[in-house]
Amino acid sequence: MSHVNVTINSRQYRMACEDGQEDRLLKLAGDLEGRIGQLRGKFGEIGDQRLEVMAALVTSDELMDAQQRIRALEEELKALRDVRAAAAERARATQTAVVAALNMAAHRIEKTTQVLNRTVGGGIAIG
């Protein structure tokens, strides 16, 4: 377990994190610090706690939007997979039908050849 000092709203906090996650935690804290700074610039000094809550709400709003987009994309992906599976099934059915038709045609050609061999050639094979 590692520890990192982060700055949020100009205050230092010592945070624990898993080994290897130090940079990510610093980036997250930097993002939150930046959001608070933007809100302070937009609304002025309205109180540290209010700025922190507003930054948390803005972040939660973005997270909720991202989750909704992810769900919509997952649904779209599922629909595309279903369409692809249906197309593959139609292609297999078409291929099976073509094979059956070719086999039937080959069988009819063989029968016709046999009939022609018996009748036209006087019993002598012509093909």
N, C-alpha and C. Protein backbone atom coordinates (compact mmCIF):
# COMPACT_ATOMS: atom_id res chain seq x y z
N MET A 1 0.86 -1.18 0.00
CA MET A 1 0.00 0.00 0.00
C MET A 1 0.89 1.23 0.00
N SER A 2 0.62 2.14 -0.92
CA SER A 2 1.39 3.38 -1.04
C SER A 2 0.59 4.54 -0.46
N HIS A 3 1.28 5.61 -0.22
CA HIS A 3 0.63 6.85 0.23
C HIS A 3 1.08 7.98 -0.66
N VAL A 4 0.15 8.87 -0.95
CA VAL A 4 0.42 10.01 -1.82
C VAL A 4 -0.18 11.24 -1.17
N ASN A 5 0.52 12.33 -1.26
CA ASN A 5 -0.01 13.62 -0.82
C ASN A 5 -0.65 14.31 -2.02
N VAL A 6 -1.94 14.62 -1.90
CA VAL A 6 -2.66 15.29 -2.98
C VAL A 6 -3.15 16.64 -2.46
N THR A 7 -3.38 17.54 -3.40
CA THR A 7 -3.91 18.86 -3.06
C THR A 7 -5.29 18.99 -3.69
N ILE A 8 -6.25 19.26 -2.83
CA ILE A 8 -7.63 19.49 -3.29
C ILE A 8 -8.12 20.75 -2.60
N ASN A 9 -8.53 21.70 -3.42
CA ASN A 9 -9.01 22.99 -2.94
C ASN A 9 -7.96 23.65 -2.03
N SER A 10 -6.73 23.58 -2.50
CA SER A 10 -5.58 24.20 -1.83
C SER A 10 -5.27 23.58 -0.46
N ARG A 11 -5.78 22.40 -0.19
CA ARG A 11 -5.47 21.69 1.06
C ARG A 11 -4.75 20.39 0.73
N GLN A 12 -3.80 20.04 1.57
CA GLN A 12 -3.05 18.80 1.40
C GLN A 12 -3.77 17.65 2.11
N TYR A 13 -3.84 16.52 1.44
CA TYR A 13 -4.41 15.31 2.02
C TYR A 13 -3.46 14.15 1.75
N ARG A 14 -3.25 13.33 2.75
CA ARG A 14 -2.43 12.12 2.57
C ARG A 14 -3.41 10.99 2.29
N MET A 15 -3.25 10.37 1.11
CA MET A 15 -4.18 9.35 0.66
C MET A 15 -3.45 8.03 0.46
N ALA A 16 -4.09 6.95 0.82
CA ALA A 16 -3.55 5.62 0.58
C ALA A 16 -4.07 5.12 -0.77
N CYS A 17 -3.23 4.36 -1.46
CA CYS A 17 -3.64 3.77 -2.73
C CYS A 17 -2.84 2.50 -2.95
N GLU A 18 -3.29 1.69 -3.88
CA GLU A 18 -2.56 0.47 -4.22
C GLU A 18 -1.25 0.84 -4.91
N ASP A 19 -0.26 -0.01 -4.74
CA ASP A 19 1.02 0.22 -5.40
C ASP A 19 0.80 0.34 -6.91
N GLY A 20 1.44 1.30 -7.52
CA GLY A 20 1.32 1.51 -8.95
C GLY A 20 0.21 2.47 -9.34
N GLN A 21 -0.63 2.87 -8.38
CA GLN A 21 -1.76 3.75 -8.68
C GLN A 21 -1.49 5.20 -8.26
N GLU A 22 -0.27 5.49 -7.87
CA GLU A 22 0.06 6.82 -7.38
C GLU A 22 -0.20 7.90 -8.42
N ASP A 23 0.28 7.69 -9.63
CA ASP A 23 0.09 8.69 -10.69
C ASP A 23 -1.39 8.92 -10.99
N ARG A 24 -2.14 7.85 -11.01
CA ARG A 24 -3.58 7.98 -11.28
C ARG A 24 -4.25 8.81 -10.18
N LEU A 25 -3.92 8.53 -8.94
CA LEU A 25 -4.51 9.28 -7.83
C LEU A 25 -4.13 10.76 -7.91
N LEU A 26 -2.89 11.04 -8.28
CA LEU A 26 -2.47 12.43 -8.44
C LEU A 26 -3.23 13.12 -9.58
N LYS A 27 -3.46 12.39 -10.67
CA LYS A 27 -4.22 12.96 -11.79
C LYS A 27 -5.68 13.21 -11.40
N LEU A 28 -6.27 12.27 -10.66
CA LEU A 28 -7.64 12.46 -10.21
C LEU A 28 -7.76 13.68 -9.29
N ALA A 29 -6.82 13.79 -8.37
CA ALA A 29 -6.84 14.95 -7.47
C ALA A 29 -6.61 16.25 -8.26
N GLY A 30 -5.72 16.20 -9.25
CA GLY A 30 -5.48 17.38 -10.08
C GLY A 30 -6.72 17.77 -10.87
N ASP A 31 -7.45 16.77 -11.36
CA ASP A 31 -8.69 17.05 -12.09
C ASP A 31 -9.71 17.72 -11.18
N LEU A 32 -9.87 17.18 -9.98
CA LEU A 32 -10.81 17.76 -9.03
C LEU A 32 -10.38 19.17 -8.64
N GLU A 33 -9.10 19.36 -8.42
CA GLU A 33 -8.57 20.69 -8.10
C GLU A 33 -8.87 21.67 -9.24
N GLY A 34 -8.70 21.21 -10.47
CA GLY A 34 -8.99 22.05 -11.63
C GLY A 34 -10.47 22.41 -11.73
N ARG A 35 -11.32 21.46 -11.44
CA ARG A 35 -12.77 21.73 -11.48
C ARG A 35 -13.16 22.77 -10.41
N ILE A 36 -12.60 22.60 -9.24
CA ILE A 36 -12.89 23.56 -8.17
C ILE A 36 -12.40 24.95 -8.58
N GLY A 37 -11.22 25.01 -9.18
CA GLY A 37 -10.70 26.29 -9.65
C GLY A 37 -11.59 26.93 -10.71
N GLN A 38 -12.10 26.11 -11.64
CA GLN A 38 -13.01 26.64 -12.67
C GLN A 38 -14.29 27.19 -12.03
N LEU A 39 -14.82 26.44 -11.09
CA LEU A 39 -16.05 26.90 -10.44
C LEU A 39 -15.80 28.17 -9.62
N ARG A 40 -14.64 28.25 -8.97
CA ARG A 40 -14.29 29.45 -8.22
C ARG A 40 -14.19 30.65 -9.18
N GLY A 41 -13.61 30.43 -10.34
CA GLY A 41 -13.52 31.50 -11.33
C GLY A 41 -14.88 31.93 -11.86
N LYS A 42 -15.78 30.98 -11.94
CA LYS A 42 -17.11 31.26 -12.49
C LYS A 42 -18.03 31.90 -11.45
N PHE A 43 -17.97 31.40 -10.20
CA PHE A 43 -18.91 31.85 -9.18
C PHE A 43 -18.28 32.72 -8.09
N GLY A 44 -16.96 32.80 -8.09
CA GLY A 44 -16.29 33.59 -7.05
C GLY A 44 -16.17 32.79 -5.76
N GLU A 45 -15.86 33.49 -4.69
CA GLU A 45 -15.69 32.85 -3.38
C GLU A 45 -17.07 32.64 -2.75
N ILE A 46 -17.60 31.46 -2.93
CA ILE A 46 -18.93 31.14 -2.38
C ILE A 46 -18.81 30.13 -1.25
N GLY A 47 -17.61 29.86 -0.82
CA GLY A 47 -17.39 28.92 0.27
C GLY A 47 -16.74 27.65 -0.25
N ASP A 48 -15.74 27.21 0.51
CA ASP A 48 -14.98 26.03 0.09
C ASP A 48 -15.86 24.80 -0.03
N GLN A 49 -16.68 24.59 0.98
CA GLN A 49 -17.51 23.38 0.97
C GLN A 49 -18.48 23.38 -0.21
N ARG A 50 -19.08 24.51 -0.49
CA ARG A 50 -20.02 24.61 -1.61
C ARG A 50 -19.29 24.34 -2.93
N LEU A 51 -18.10 24.90 -3.10
CA LEU A 51 -17.31 24.66 -4.32
C LEU A 51 -16.97 23.18 -4.47
N GLU A 52 -16.60 22.55 -3.36
CA GLU A 52 -16.26 21.12 -3.40
C GLU A 52 -17.48 20.28 -3.75
N VAL A 53 -18.63 20.62 -3.17
CA VAL A 53 -19.86 19.88 -3.48
C VAL A 53 -20.24 20.10 -4.94
N MET A 54 -20.13 21.32 -5.42
CA MET A 54 -20.46 21.60 -6.83
C MET A 54 -19.52 20.83 -7.76
N ALA A 55 -18.24 20.77 -7.44
CA ALA A 55 -17.28 20.03 -8.26
C ALA A 55 -17.63 18.54 -8.25
N ALA A 56 -18.01 18.03 -7.09
CA ALA A 56 -18.40 16.62 -7.00
C ALA A 56 -19.66 16.36 -7.84
N LEU A 57 -20.61 17.29 -7.80
CA LEU A 57 -21.84 17.12 -8.59
C LEU A 57 -21.56 17.18 -10.09
N VAL A 58 -20.69 18.11 -10.51
CA VAL A 58 -20.31 18.19 -11.93
C VAL A 58 -19.66 16.89 -12.37
N THR A 59 -18.77 16.36 -11.53
CA THR A 59 -18.09 15.10 -11.84
C THR A 59 -19.10 13.96 -11.90
N SER A 60 -20.02 13.90 -10.94
CA SER A 60 -21.05 12.86 -10.94
C SER A 60 -21.94 12.96 -12.16
N ASP A 61 -22.26 14.19 -12.56
CA ASP A 61 -23.08 14.40 -13.76
C ASP A 61 -22.38 13.85 -14.99
N GLU A 62 -21.09 14.15 -15.13
CA GLU A 62 -20.33 13.64 -16.27
C GLU A 62 -20.25 12.12 -16.23
N LEU A 63 -20.07 11.56 -15.04
CA LEU A 63 -20.01 10.10 -14.90
C LEU A 63 -21.34 9.48 -15.30
N MET A 64 -22.45 10.07 -14.86
CA MET A 64 -23.76 9.54 -15.21
C MET A 64 -23.99 9.59 -16.72
N ASP A 65 -23.60 10.71 -17.35
CA ASP A 65 -23.72 10.81 -18.81
C ASP A 65 -22.88 9.75 -19.50
N ALA A 66 -21.66 9.55 -19.01
CA ALA A 66 -20.78 8.54 -19.60
C ALA A 66 -21.36 7.15 -19.44
N GLN A 67 -21.94 6.86 -18.29
CA GLN A 67 -22.55 5.54 -18.07
C GLN A 67 -23.74 5.33 -19.01
N GLN A 68 -24.53 6.37 -19.23
CA GLN A 68 -25.66 6.27 -20.16
C GLN A 68 -25.16 6.04 -21.58
N ARG A 69 -24.10 6.73 -21.98
CA ARG A 69 -23.53 6.52 -23.31
C ARG A 69 -22.99 5.10 -23.44
N ILE A 70 -22.35 4.61 -22.40
CA ILE A 70 -21.83 3.24 -22.42
C ILE A 70 -22.98 2.25 -22.59
N ARG A 71 -24.05 2.42 -21.83
CA ARG A 71 -25.21 1.52 -21.95
C ARG A 71 -25.79 1.58 -23.36
N ALA A 72 -25.91 2.79 -23.92
CA ALA A 72 -26.45 2.92 -25.28
C ALA A 72 -25.53 2.24 -26.29
N LEU A 73 -24.22 2.41 -26.13
CA LEU A 73 -23.28 1.76 -27.04
C LEU A 73 -23.29 0.25 -26.88
N GLU A 74 -23.45 -0.23 -25.65
CA GLU A 74 -23.55 -1.68 -25.44
C GLU A 74 -24.80 -2.24 -26.10
N GLU A 75 -25.92 -1.51 -26.01
CA GLU A 75 -27.15 -1.95 -26.68
C GLU A 75 -26.97 -1.96 -28.20
N GLU A 76 -26.33 -0.91 -28.71
CA GLU A 76 -26.08 -0.84 -30.15
C GLU A 76 -25.16 -1.98 -30.59
N LEU A 77 -24.14 -2.26 -29.80
CA LEU A 77 -23.24 -3.36 -30.10
C LEU A 77 -23.98 -4.68 -30.11
N LYS A 78 -24.86 -4.89 -29.14
CA LYS A 78 -25.64 -6.13 -29.09
C LYS A 78 -26.53 -6.24 -30.33
N ALA A 79 -27.16 -5.13 -30.71
CA ALA A 79 -28.01 -5.15 -31.91
C ALA A 79 -27.19 -5.47 -33.15
N LEU A 80 -26.01 -4.89 -33.26
CA LEU A 80 -25.14 -5.17 -34.41
C LEU A 80 -24.70 -6.63 -34.41
N ARG A 81 -24.39 -7.16 -33.25
CA ARG A 81 -24.01 -8.58 -33.16
C ARG A 81 -25.18 -9.47 -33.56
N ASP A 82 -26.40 -9.10 -33.14
CA ASP A 82 -27.58 -9.87 -33.51
C ASP A 82 -27.80 -9.84 -35.02
N VAL A 83 -27.61 -8.65 -35.61
CA VAL A 83 -27.76 -8.52 -37.07
C VAL A 83 -26.71 -9.36 -37.78
N ARG A 84 -25.47 -9.30 -37.28
CA ARG A 84 -24.39 -10.08 -37.89
C ARG A 84 -24.68 -11.57 -37.77
N ALA A 85 -25.18 -12.01 -36.63
CA ALA A 85 -25.50 -13.43 -36.44
C ALA A 85 -26.64 -13.85 -37.37
N ALA A 86 -27.63 -12.98 -37.52
CA ALA A 86 -28.74 -13.29 -38.42
C ALA A 86 -28.26 -13.36 -39.86
N ALA A 87 -27.38 -12.44 -40.24
CA ALA A 87 -26.83 -12.45 -41.60
C ALA A 87 -26.01 -13.71 -41.83
N ALA A 88 -25.24 -14.11 -40.84
CA ALA A 88 -24.44 -15.34 -40.97
C ALA A 88 -25.35 -16.55 -41.11
N GLU A 89 -26.44 -16.56 -40.36
CA GLU A 89 -27.40 -17.67 -40.46
C GLU A 89 -28.06 -17.70 -41.83
N ARG A 90 -28.41 -16.52 -42.36
CA ARG A 90 -29.00 -16.47 -43.71
C ARG A 90 -27.98 -16.93 -44.74
N ALA A 91 -26.71 -16.53 -44.56
CA ALA A 91 -25.66 -16.95 -45.49
C ALA A 91 -25.49 -18.47 -45.45
N ARG A 92 -25.53 -19.06 -44.25
CA ARG A 92 -25.43 -20.52 -44.14
C ARG A 92 -26.62 -21.20 -44.80
N ALA A 93 -27.80 -20.64 -44.60
CA ALA A 93 -29.01 -21.22 -45.21
C ALA A 93 -28.92 -21.12 -46.73
N THR A 94 -28.46 -19.98 -47.24
CA THR A 94 -28.30 -19.80 -48.68
C THR A 94 -27.27 -20.77 -49.23
N GLN A 95 -26.16 -20.91 -48.53
CA GLN A 95 -25.12 -21.83 -48.96
C GLN A 95 -25.64 -23.26 -48.99
N THR A 96 -26.39 -23.64 -47.99
CA THR A 96 -26.97 -24.98 -47.94
C THR A 96 -27.93 -25.19 -49.11
N ALA A 97 -28.74 -24.18 -49.41
CA ALA A 97 -29.69 -24.27 -50.53
C ALA A 97 -28.95 -24.37 -51.86
N VAL A 98 -27.88 -23.59 -52.03
CA VAL A 98 -27.10 -23.64 -53.27
C VAL A 98 -26.45 -25.01 -53.42
N VAL A 99 -25.89 -25.54 -52.35
CA VAL A 99 -25.27 -26.86 -52.41
C VAL A 99 -26.31 -27.92 -52.78
N ALA A 100 -27.48 -27.83 -52.17
CA ALA A 100 -28.55 -28.79 -52.48
C ALA A 100 -28.97 -28.68 -53.94
N ALA A 101 -29.10 -27.44 -54.43
CA ALA A 101 -29.51 -27.25 -55.83
C ALA A 101 -28.44 -27.78 -56.78
N LEU A 102 -27.15 -27.52 -56.47
CA LEU A 102 -26.07 -28.04 -57.32
C LEU A 102 -26.02 -29.57 -57.28
N ASN A 103 -26.20 -30.15 -56.12
CA ASN A 103 -26.23 -31.61 -56.02
C ASN A 103 -27.39 -32.19 -56.82
N MET A 104 -28.53 -31.54 -56.73
CA MET A 104 -29.70 -32.00 -57.48
C MET A 104 -29.43 -31.88 -58.98
N ALA A 105 -28.84 -30.77 -59.42
CA ALA A 105 -28.53 -30.59 -60.84
C ALA A 105 -27.52 -31.64 -61.29
N ALA A 106 -26.49 -31.89 -60.48
CA ALA A 106 -25.49 -32.91 -60.83
C ALA A 106 -26.14 -34.28 -60.95
N HIS A 107 -27.04 -34.58 -60.04
CA HIS A 107 -27.75 -35.87 -60.08
C HIS A 107 -28.59 -35.98 -61.36
N ARG A 108 -29.27 -34.90 -61.72
CA ARG A 108 -30.10 -34.92 -62.93
C ARG A 108 -29.22 -35.04 -64.18
N ILE A 109 -28.07 -34.37 -64.17
CA ILE A 109 -27.16 -34.48 -65.32
C ILE A 109 -26.65 -35.90 -65.45
N GLU A 110 -26.31 -36.53 -64.32
CA GLU A 110 -25.85 -37.92 -64.36
C GLU A 110 -26.95 -38.84 -64.90
N LYS A 111 -28.17 -38.64 -64.46
CA LYS A 111 -29.28 -39.47 -64.96
C LYS A 111 -29.48 -39.25 -66.46
N THR A 112 -29.41 -37.98 -66.87
CA THR A 112 -29.59 -37.68 -68.29
C THR A 112 -28.47 -38.33 -69.10
N THR A 113 -27.24 -38.26 -68.59
CA THR A 113 -26.11 -38.88 -69.28
C THR A 113 -26.30 -40.38 -69.39
N GLN A 114 -26.79 -40.99 -68.34
CA GLN A 114 -27.04 -42.45 -68.37
C GLN A 114 -28.09 -42.79 -69.40
N VAL A 115 -29.16 -42.00 -69.45
CA VAL A 115 -30.23 -42.26 -70.42
C VAL A 115 -29.70 -42.08 -71.84
N LEU A 116 -28.93 -41.00 -72.04
CA LEU A 116 -28.38 -40.76 -73.38
C LEU A 116 -27.41 -41.87 -73.78
N ASN A 117 -26.62 -42.33 -72.87
CA ASN A 117 -25.68 -43.40 -73.15
C ASN A 117 -26.42 -44.67 -73.59
N ARG A 118 -27.54 -44.95 -72.98
CA ARG A 118 -28.29 -46.17 -73.32
C ARG A 118 -29.04 -46.00 -74.64
N THR A 119 -29.56 -44.83 -74.93
CA THR A 119 -30.43 -44.69 -76.09
C THR A 119 -29.71 -44.17 -77.32
N VAL A 120 -28.88 -43.18 -77.19
CA VAL A 120 -28.27 -42.54 -78.36
C VAL A 120 -27.10 -43.35 -78.85
N GLY A 121 -26.29 -43.81 -77.99
CA GLY A 121 -25.06 -44.47 -78.40
C GLY A 121 -25.22 -45.94 -78.66
N GLY A 122 -26.41 -46.45 -78.58
CA GLY A 122 -26.59 -47.87 -78.78
C GLY A 122 -25.83 -48.70 -77.79
N GLY A 123 -25.77 -48.17 -76.56
CA GLY A 123 -25.06 -48.90 -75.52
C GLY A 123 -23.60 -48.53 -75.43
N ILE A 124 -23.11 -47.69 -76.34
CA ILE A 124 -21.71 -47.26 -76.29
C ILE A 124 -21.65 -45.94 -75.54
N ALA A 125 -20.82 -45.86 -74.56
CA ALA A 125 -20.72 -44.62 -73.76
C ALA A 125 -20.20 -43.51 -74.61
N ILE A 126 -20.85 -42.33 -74.48
CA ILE A 126 -20.41 -41.17 -75.25
C ILE A 126 -19.72 -40.13 -74.36
N GLY A 127 -19.73 -40.31 -73.12
CA GLY A 127 -19.15 -39.27 -72.28
C GLY A 127 -18.27 -39.75 -71.21
